[in-house]
Amino acid sequence: MRTAMGGVSPRTVLIVEDQLEMRAITTAYLEHQGYRVVSAGDGVEGLRCAREVHPDLILMDISIPGLDGIEATAALKRDPATRDIPIIIVSAHPYGSVGKRARDAGCDGWLNKPCDPRRVLEEVERRVGAPN
């Protein structure tokens, strides 16, 4: 994405996570690596941010207030404006317990909590490339 001054803006990651500490750690790590990070604390705010910012990738918790992460993922994948944004579920739930629901909703990947920020970075880079 080009900026108004002709430079390349960093890739944007939206983190939808209600745990402030987890959100802060992931945000700080990704920003340190050069990504632009936007965050939301619940599913409704996550939908709004995704539609306004149109991030390159979304890291989505499942157990969040309002719409849960699976409902939010399904809503984003139904919307033509956001359906192509990769959504990675980041959850403490075992994959087997909710994996099929997440897959059916359209999630593009899964990371188990707790996850090392380096593992998150690997997944972000694999899906969208370097920050800019």
C-alpha atoms as a PDB file:
ATOM      1  CA  MET A   1       0.000   0.000   0.000  1.00  0.00           C
ATOM      2  CA  ARG A   2       1.462   3.369  -1.036  1.00  0.00           C
ATOM      3  CA  THR A   3       1.268   6.404   1.199  1.00  0.00           C
ATOM      4  CA  ALA A   4       0.390   9.920   0.018  1.00  0.00           C
ATOM      5  CA  MET A   5       4.099  10.761   0.000  1.00  0.00           C
ATOM      6  CA  GLY A   6       4.938   7.819  -2.263  1.00  0.00           C
ATOM      7  CA  GLY A   7       6.376   5.541   0.424  1.00  0.00           C
ATOM      8  CA  VAL A   8       5.079   2.138   1.333  1.00  0.00           C
ATOM      9  CA  SER A   9       2.944   1.948   4.460  1.00  0.00           C
ATOM     10  CA  PRO A  10       3.456  -0.999   6.791  1.00  0.00           C
ATOM     11  CA  ARG A  11       1.133  -3.960   6.669  1.00  0.00           C
ATOM     12  CA  THR A  12      -1.686  -3.672   9.189  1.00  0.00           C
ATOM     13  CA  VAL A  13      -2.713  -6.357  11.676  1.00  0.00           C
ATOM     14  CA  LEU A  14      -5.990  -6.142  13.607  1.00  0.00           C
ATOM     15  CA  ILE A  15      -5.912  -7.880  16.996  1.00  0.00           C
ATOM     16  CA  VAL A  16      -9.351  -8.729  18.410  1.00  0.00           C
ATOM     17  CA  GLU A  17      -8.632  -9.751  22.000  1.00  0.00           C
ATOM     18  CA  ASP A  18     -10.303  -8.857  25.301  1.00  0.00           C
ATOM     19  CA  GLN A  19      -7.319  -9.682  27.537  1.00  0.00           C
ATOM     20  CA  LEU A  20      -5.407  -6.411  27.816  1.00  0.00           C
ATOM     21  CA  GLU A  21      -2.076  -8.033  28.666  1.00  0.00           C
ATOM     22  CA  MET A  22      -2.206 -10.432  25.710  1.00  0.00           C
ATOM     23  CA  ARG A  23      -3.238  -7.589  23.400  1.00  0.00           C
ATOM     24  CA  ALA A  24      -0.457  -5.312  24.685  1.00  0.00           C
ATOM     25  CA  ILE A  25       2.278  -7.959  24.368  1.00  0.00           C
ATOM     26  CA  THR A  26       1.264  -8.949  20.840  1.00  0.00           C
ATOM     27  CA  THR A  27       0.847  -5.313  19.779  1.00  0.00           C
ATOM     28  CA  ALA A  28       4.263  -4.290  21.127  1.00  0.00           C
ATOM     29  CA  TYR A  29       6.002  -7.257  19.511  1.00  0.00           C
ATOM     30  CA  LEU A  30       4.426  -6.776  16.073  1.00  0.00           C
ATOM     31  CA  GLU A  31       4.964  -3.000  16.132  1.00  0.00           C
ATOM     32  CA  HIS A  32       8.608  -3.560  17.069  1.00  0.00           C
ATOM     33  CA  GLN A  33       8.883  -5.762  13.968  1.00  0.00           C
ATOM     34  CA  GLY A  34       7.486  -2.934  11.804  1.00  0.00           C
ATOM     35  CA  TYR A  35       3.794  -3.816  11.493  1.00  0.00           C
ATOM     36  CA  ARG A  36       1.012  -1.324  12.100  1.00  0.00           C
ATOM     37  CA  VAL A  37      -1.347  -2.732  14.734  1.00  0.00           C
ATOM     38  CA  VAL A  38      -4.962  -1.813  15.427  1.00  0.00           C
ATOM     39  CA  SER A  39      -6.822  -3.505  18.261  1.00  0.00           C
ATOM     40  CA  ALA A  40     -10.342  -4.187  19.452  1.00  0.00           C
ATOM     41  CA  GLY A  41     -11.554  -5.585  22.759  1.00  0.00           C
ATOM     42  CA  ASP A  42     -14.733  -7.312  21.582  1.00  0.00           C
ATOM     43  CA  GLY A  43     -16.359  -8.803  18.502  1.00  0.00           C
ATOM     44  CA  VAL A  44     -18.540  -5.818  17.614  1.00  0.00           C
ATOM     45  CA  GLU A  45     -15.588  -3.419  17.830  1.00  0.00           C
ATOM     46  CA  GLY A  46     -13.538  -5.930  15.819  1.00  0.00           C
ATOM     47  CA  LEU A  47     -16.111  -5.895  13.003  1.00  0.00           C
ATOM     48  CA  ARG A  48     -16.162  -2.096  12.976  1.00  0.00           C
ATOM     49  CA  CYS A  49     -12.353  -1.864  12.913  1.00  0.00           C
ATOM     50  CA  ALA A  50     -12.050  -4.461  10.156  1.00  0.00           C
ATOM     51  CA  ARG A  51     -14.528  -2.583   7.982  1.00  0.00           C
ATOM     52  CA  GLU A  52     -12.967   0.831   8.644  1.00  0.00           C
ATOM     53  CA  VAL A  53      -9.266  -0.080   8.514  1.00  0.00           C
ATOM     54  CA  HIS A  54      -9.363  -3.086   6.164  1.00  0.00           C
ATOM     55  CA  PRO A  55      -6.280  -4.734   7.744  1.00  0.00           C
ATOM     56  CA  ASP A  56      -3.987  -7.145   5.932  1.00  0.00           C
ATOM     57  CA  LEU A  57      -4.637  -9.821   8.592  1.00  0.00           C
ATOM     58  CA  ILE A  58      -6.798 -10.342  11.689  1.00  0.00           C
ATOM     59  CA  LEU A  59      -5.759 -12.192  14.854  1.00  0.00           C
ATOM     60  CA  MET A  60      -9.099 -13.171  16.443  1.00  0.00           C
ATOM     61  CA  ASP A  61      -9.687 -14.571  19.923  1.00  0.00           C
ATOM     62  CA  ILE A  62     -12.727 -16.835  20.280  1.00  0.00           C
ATOM     63  CA  SER A  63     -13.850 -15.959  23.804  1.00  0.00           C
ATOM     64  CA  ILE A  64     -14.549 -12.247  23.473  1.00  0.00           C
ATOM     65  CA  PRO A  65     -17.545 -10.169  24.604  1.00  0.00           C
ATOM     66  CA  GLY A  66     -20.382  -9.282  22.271  1.00  0.00           C
ATOM     67  CA  LEU A  67     -20.028 -11.429  19.182  1.00  0.00           C
ATOM     68  CA  ASP A  68     -17.636 -14.275  19.893  1.00  0.00           C
ATOM     69  CA  GLY A  69     -14.674 -14.748  17.578  1.00  0.00           C
ATOM     70  CA  ILE A  70     -16.376 -17.413  15.487  1.00  0.00           C
ATOM     71  CA  GLU A  71     -19.486 -15.259  14.951  1.00  0.00           C
ATOM     72  CA  ALA A  72     -17.302 -12.252  14.108  1.00  0.00           C
ATOM     73  CA  THR A  73     -15.242 -14.353  11.674  1.00  0.00           C
ATOM     74  CA  ALA A  74     -18.411 -15.608   9.954  1.00  0.00           C
ATOM     75  CA  ALA A  75     -19.743 -12.040   9.622  1.00  0.00           C
ATOM     76  CA  LEU A  76     -16.459 -10.801   8.114  1.00  0.00           C
ATOM     77  CA  LYS A  77     -16.287 -13.715   5.668  1.00  0.00           C
ATOM     78  CA  ARG A  78     -19.883 -13.034   4.507  1.00  0.00           C
ATOM     79  CA  ASP A  79     -19.074  -9.379   3.788  1.00  0.00           C
ATOM     80  CA  PRO A  80     -17.642  -8.842   0.272  1.00  0.00           C
ATOM     81  CA  ALA A  81     -15.529  -5.938   1.602  1.00  0.00           C
ATOM     82  CA  THR A  82     -13.748  -8.088   4.208  1.00  0.00           C
ATOM     83  CA  ARG A  83     -14.079 -11.702   3.074  1.00  0.00           C
ATOM     84  CA  ASP A  84     -10.540 -11.884   1.640  1.00  0.00           C
ATOM     85  CA  ILE A  85      -8.800 -10.735   4.836  1.00  0.00           C
ATOM     86  CA  PRO A  86      -7.014 -13.729   6.400  1.00  0.00           C
ATOM     87  CA  ILE A  87      -8.322 -14.433   9.911  1.00  0.00           C
ATOM     88  CA  ILE A  88      -6.193 -16.424  12.339  1.00  0.00           C
ATOM     89  CA  ILE A  89      -7.998 -17.708  15.423  1.00  0.00           C
ATOM     90  CA  VAL A  90      -5.895 -17.347  18.578  1.00  0.00           C
ATOM     91  CA  SER A  91      -7.502 -19.400  21.334  1.00  0.00           C
ATOM     92  CA  ALA A  92      -6.966 -21.263  24.574  1.00  0.00           C
ATOM     93  CA  HIS A  93      -9.688 -23.693  23.491  1.00  0.00           C
ATOM     94  CA  PRO A  94      -8.332 -26.961  22.096  1.00  0.00           C
ATOM     95  CA  TYR A  95      -8.689 -27.027  18.309  1.00  0.00           C
ATOM     96  CA  GLY A  96     -10.775 -30.194  18.418  1.00  0.00           C
ATOM     97  CA  SER A  97     -13.447 -28.619  20.605  1.00  0.00           C
ATOM     98  CA  VAL A  98     -14.205 -25.674  18.308  1.00  0.00           C
ATOM     99  CA  GLY A  99     -12.028 -26.197  15.253  1.00  0.00           C
ATOM    100  CA  LYS A 100     -14.841 -27.348  12.974  1.00  0.00           C
ATOM    101  CA  ARG A 101     -17.001 -24.336  13.902  1.00  0.00           C
ATOM    102  CA  ALA A 102     -14.055 -22.008  13.279  1.00  0.00           C
ATOM    103  CA  ARG A 103     -13.264 -23.655   9.943  1.00  0.00           C
ATOM    104  CA  ASP A 104     -16.938 -23.518   8.908  1.00  0.00           C
ATOM    105  CA  ALA A 105     -16.978 -19.801   9.807  1.00  0.00           C
ATOM    106  CA  GLY A 106     -14.066 -19.264   7.408  1.00  0.00           C
ATOM    107  CA  CYS A 107     -11.003 -18.913   9.619  1.00  0.00           C
ATOM    108  CA  ASP A 108      -7.739 -19.238   7.730  1.00  0.00           C
ATOM    109  CA  GLY A 109      -5.529 -20.523  10.535  1.00  0.00           C
ATOM    110  CA  TRP A 110      -5.263 -21.364  14.216  1.00  0.00           C
ATOM    111  CA  LEU A 111      -2.800 -20.551  16.993  1.00  0.00           C
ATOM    112  CA  ASN A 112      -3.093 -22.026  20.484  1.00  0.00           C
ATOM    113  CA  LYS A 113      -2.781 -19.803  23.556  1.00  0.00           C
ATOM    114  CA  PRO A 114      -0.556 -19.184  25.223  1.00  0.00           C
ATOM    115  CA  CYS A 115       1.512 -18.490  22.147  1.00  0.00           C
ATOM    116  CA  ASP A 116       5.008 -17.185  21.926  1.00  0.00           C
ATOM    117  CA  PRO A 117       5.054 -13.807  20.124  1.00  0.00           C
ATOM    118  CA  ARG A 118       7.674 -15.246  17.749  1.00  0.00           C
ATOM    119  CA  ARG A 119       5.153 -17.897  16.671  1.00  0.00           C
ATOM    120  CA  VAL A 120       2.567 -15.172  16.062  1.00  0.00           C
ATOM    121  CA  LEU A 121       5.128 -13.263  13.976  1.00  0.00           C
ATOM    122  CA  GLU A 122       5.909 -16.393  11.932  1.00  0.00           C
ATOM    123  CA  GLU A 123       2.215 -16.846  11.140  1.00  0.00           C
ATOM    124  CA  VAL A 124       1.746 -13.163  10.251  1.00  0.00           C
ATOM    125  CA  GLU A 125       4.800 -13.216   7.959  1.00  0.00           C
ATOM    126  CA  ARG A 126       3.655 -16.463   6.350  1.00  0.00           C
ATOM    127  CA  ARG A 127       0.220 -15.009   5.587  1.00  0.00           C
ATOM    128  CA  VAL A 128       1.023 -11.421   4.577  1.00  0.00           C
ATOM    129  CA  GLY A 129       4.787 -11.114   4.256  1.00  0.00           C
ATOM    130  CA  ALA A 130       7.188  -8.627   5.776  1.00  0.00           C
ATOM    131  CA  PRO A 131       5.814  -5.447   7.362  1.00  0.00           C
ATOM    132  CA  ASN A 132       6.452  -3.268   4.287  1.00  0.00           C
END
